[in-house]
Every structure is written in structure tokens, then in C-alpha cells.
N, C-alpha and C. Protein backbone atom coordinates (compact mmCIF):
# COMPACT_ATOMS: atom_id res chain seq x y z
N MET A 1 62.27 81.45 111.84
CA MET A 1 61.38 83.21 112.28
C MET A 1 60.21 83.43 111.96
N PHE A 2 59.10 83.28 111.97
CA PHE A 2 58.63 83.84 112.15
C PHE A 2 57.64 83.57 110.30
N GLY A 3 58.40 82.02 109.67
CA GLY A 3 57.37 82.51 108.83
C GLY A 3 58.51 82.62 107.67
N LEU A 4 58.98 83.31 107.76
CA LEU A 4 60.12 84.53 106.51
C LEU A 4 60.87 84.08 106.28
N GLY A 5 61.87 83.71 105.27
CA GLY A 5 62.67 83.10 104.55
C GLY A 5 63.99 84.48 104.11
N TRP A 6 65.36 83.69 103.91
CA TRP A 6 65.53 85.26 103.56
C TRP A 6 65.71 86.04 102.36
N PRO A 7 64.75 85.26 101.55
CA PRO A 7 64.55 86.86 100.42
C PRO A 7 63.52 88.32 100.65
N GLU A 8 62.69 87.64 102.39
CA GLU A 8 61.74 88.51 102.53
C GLU A 8 62.81 89.05 103.67
N VAL A 9 63.45 88.22 104.18
CA VAL A 9 64.61 89.17 105.38
C VAL A 9 65.30 90.40 104.12
N GLY A 10 66.17 90.33 103.14
CA GLY A 10 66.64 90.39 102.81
C GLY A 10 65.95 92.28 101.82
N VAL A 11 64.77 91.52 101.02
CA VAL A 11 63.80 92.74 100.57
C VAL A 11 62.92 93.94 102.26
N ILE A 12 63.06 93.27 103.66
CA ILE A 12 62.61 94.00 104.33
C ILE A 12 63.27 94.62 105.38
N ALA A 13 64.91 94.56 104.86
CA ALA A 13 66.50 94.99 105.00
C ALA A 13 66.59 96.06 104.14
N ILE A 14 66.04 95.98 102.83
CA ILE A 14 66.40 97.09 102.38
C ILE A 14 65.70 98.33 102.17
N ALA A 15 63.78 97.28 102.57
CA ALA A 15 63.28 98.51 102.35
C ALA A 15 63.18 99.47 103.21
N ALA A 16 63.61 98.51 104.45
CA ALA A 16 64.31 100.09 106.42
C ALA A 16 65.31 101.34 105.33
N ILE A 17 66.53 100.73 105.24
CA ILE A 17 67.47 101.36 104.06
C ILE A 17 66.99 102.34 103.45
N VAL A 18 65.90 102.34 102.54
CA VAL A 18 65.38 103.45 101.79
C VAL A 18 64.29 104.60 103.14
N ILE A 19 63.43 103.47 104.11
CA ILE A 19 62.65 104.64 104.58
C ILE A 19 63.90 105.85 105.50
N PHE A 20 65.03 105.14 106.61
CA PHE A 20 65.18 105.69 107.04
C PHE A 20 66.69 105.86 107.53
N GLY A 21 67.60 105.21 105.82
CA GLY A 21 68.83 105.71 105.81
C GLY A 21 69.53 105.02 106.71
N PRO A 22 70.81 104.56 105.75
CA PRO A 22 71.62 104.04 106.14
C PRO A 22 72.59 104.09 107.71
N LYS A 23 72.18 105.69 108.13
CA LYS A 23 73.52 106.60 109.66
C LYS A 23 72.45 106.25 110.39
N LYS A 24 70.54 106.16 110.26
CA LYS A 24 69.69 105.96 111.52
C LYS A 24 69.75 104.25 111.91
N ILE A 25 69.51 103.83 111.02
CA ILE A 25 69.89 102.49 111.73
C ILE A 25 70.62 101.94 112.14
N PRO A 26 71.90 102.47 112.53
CA PRO A 26 73.03 102.05 113.72
C PRO A 26 71.85 102.84 115.00
N GLU A 27 71.56 103.95 115.04
CA GLU A 27 70.92 104.55 116.24
C GLU A 27 70.24 104.07 116.81
N MET A 28 69.16 103.23 115.95
CA MET A 28 67.91 102.45 116.45
C MET A 28 68.03 101.58 116.25
N GLY A 29 69.20 100.30 116.23
CA GLY A 29 69.76 99.51 116.92
C GLY A 29 69.98 100.10 117.72
N LYS A 30 70.73 100.23 118.34
CA LYS A 30 71.35 100.34 119.44
C LYS A 30 70.42 101.08 120.99
N ALA A 31 69.59 101.91 119.65
CA ALA A 31 68.16 102.29 121.33
C ALA A 31 67.56 101.25 121.39
N LEU A 32 67.36 100.65 120.85
CA LEU A 32 66.10 99.36 120.80
C LEU A 32 67.11 98.01 121.75
N GLY A 33 67.99 98.38 121.68
CA GLY A 33 69.81 97.26 122.66
C GLY A 33 69.30 97.76 124.08
N GLN A 34 69.47 99.14 124.17
CA GLN A 34 70.28 99.72 125.37
C GLN A 34 68.26 99.03 126.17
N THR A 35 66.98 99.45 125.32
CA THR A 35 66.08 99.49 126.04
C THR A 35 65.86 97.62 126.29
N LEU A 36 65.95 96.68 125.79
CA LEU A 36 65.84 95.49 126.06
C LEU A 36 66.71 95.13 126.90
N ARG A 37 68.52 96.04 127.44
CA ARG A 37 68.94 95.44 127.87
C ARG A 37 67.95 96.20 129.91
N GLY A 38 67.94 97.34 129.38
CA GLY A 38 67.41 98.07 130.61
C GLY A 38 66.43 97.27 131.13
N PHE A 39 65.03 96.00 129.72
CA PHE A 39 64.24 95.33 130.75
C PHE A 39 64.74 94.16 131.11
N LYS A 40 65.36 93.52 130.65
CA LYS A 40 66.18 92.50 130.72
C LYS A 40 66.62 92.82 132.42
N ASP A 41 67.59 93.55 132.65
CA ASP A 41 67.91 93.88 134.10
C ASP A 41 66.69 94.36 135.17
N GLU A 42 65.44 94.63 135.04
CA GLU A 42 64.60 94.48 135.70
C GLU A 42 63.51 94.19 135.62
N MET A 43 64.30 92.89 135.24
CA MET A 43 63.19 91.36 135.12
C MET A 43 64.29 90.50 136.27
N ASN A 44 65.61 90.91 136.21
CA ASN A 44 66.33 90.12 137.20
C ASN A 44 66.52 90.91 138.32
N LYS A 45 65.81 91.56 138.69
CA LYS A 45 65.98 92.30 139.72
C LYS A 45 65.30 91.97 141.09
N PRO A 46 66.14 91.59 142.22
CA PRO A 46 65.31 90.52 142.81
C PRO A 46 63.57 91.27 143.12
N GLU A 47 62.74 90.24 144.00
CA GLU A 47 61.28 90.80 144.07
C GLU A 47 61.88 91.90 145.14
N THR A 48 62.20 90.63 146.55
CA THR A 48 61.74 91.34 147.78
C THR A 48 62.24 92.39 148.29
N THR A 49 63.05 93.71 147.36
CA THR A 49 62.69 95.68 147.21
C THR A 49 62.14 95.85 147.03
N ASP A 50 61.32 94.87 146.15
CA ASP A 50 59.79 95.90 145.66
C ASP A 50 58.35 95.14 146.83
N ARG A 51 58.38 94.01 147.55
CA ARG A 51 57.46 93.84 148.57
C ARG A 51 57.72 94.42 149.62
N ALA A 52 60.00 94.33 149.98
CA ALA A 52 60.02 95.33 151.27
C ALA A 52 59.05 97.12 151.36
N ALA A 53 59.02 97.41 149.97
CA ALA A 53 58.63 98.49 150.30
C ALA A 53 56.75 98.70 150.00
N TRP A 54 56.18 97.80 149.22
CA TRP A 54 54.73 97.29 149.97
C TRP A 54 54.29 97.53 151.68
N ARG A 55 55.31 97.41 152.47
CA ARG A 55 54.96 96.69 153.78
C ARG A 55 55.00 97.54 154.55
N GLN A 56 55.65 98.67 153.87
CA GLN A 56 56.41 99.89 155.23
C GLN A 56 55.08 100.70 155.02
N PRO A 57 55.23 101.31 156.17
CA PRO A 57 53.58 101.59 155.75
C PRO A 57 53.69 103.30 155.51
N LEU A 58 52.14 103.79 155.33
CA LEU A 58 51.87 105.10 155.09
C LEU A 58 52.35 105.87 155.19
N PRO A 59 52.20 106.99 154.34
CA PRO A 59 52.73 108.54 155.36
C PRO A 59 51.66 109.22 156.08
N PRO A 60 51.28 110.21 157.01
CA PRO A 60 49.76 109.99 156.62
C PRO A 60 48.82 110.97 156.01
N HIS A 61 49.26 111.57 155.52
CA HIS A 61 48.64 112.63 154.02
C HIS A 61 48.38 111.65 153.58
N LEU A 62 48.55 110.43 152.99
CA LEU A 62 47.74 109.07 152.34
C LEU A 62 47.40 108.05 152.82
N ARG A 63 47.21 107.86 154.64
CA ARG A 63 46.43 107.24 155.33
C ARG A 63 45.46 107.55 154.92
N ARG A 64 44.98 109.18 155.13
CA ARG A 64 44.36 110.41 154.65
C ARG A 64 42.96 109.80 153.60
N ILE A 65 43.84 109.90 152.94
CA ILE A 65 43.34 109.98 151.48
C ILE A 65 42.67 108.09 150.70
N ARG A 66 43.63 107.12 151.59
CA ARG A 66 43.27 105.75 151.82
C ARG A 66 41.92 106.04 152.34
N LYS A 67 41.66 106.31 153.89
CA LYS A 67 40.47 105.71 154.43
C LYS A 67 39.34 106.74 154.23
N SER A 68 39.38 107.85 152.96
CA SER A 68 38.61 108.57 152.78
C SER A 68 37.98 107.77 151.88
N LYS A 69 39.15 107.25 150.27
CA LYS A 69 38.89 106.37 149.88
C LYS A 69 37.89 105.41 149.81
N MET A 70 37.80 104.63 150.77
CA MET A 70 37.02 103.59 151.88
C MET A 70 35.77 103.51 151.68
N GLU A 71 35.74 104.56 152.61
CA GLU A 71 34.11 105.08 152.94
C GLU A 71 33.21 104.94 152.08
């Protein structure tokens, strides 16, 4: 576990409780869990939907911008 023993983990936990307070830590854990879950869901989505979006033709107003940048 990154070279940390139980005493070091205990010190870090106590420091977190002192800094953030016992009420804030569960909220932070919940937010972290939701973020990681959302990231995992995005990583598990099939890539075909993303590739299909890239293959669609550009709208006319974007085609003009793209052509002017290529010149």
C-alpha cells in the first residue's frame, strides 16, 4: 500500500479527522465514490458511439470555419 504501514495510515486518518472534521469526511468519500463511478462508467462505454459521432458530416457553418483555417 505505497510503502505505508498501519501506524502511518492511522496518523493520516487522525490528521484528516482533525483537519476536515468527522462530518465532512463521509461527504468527501461519497463525492469521491461518485466521481470514480462516473469515470468507470465512461471508460466502459462502447467506443462505437464516439466514432459514429466523428463520422457525421460537419454542419455548414463549421465547414466554412474549417476551410478557412486550412488555407
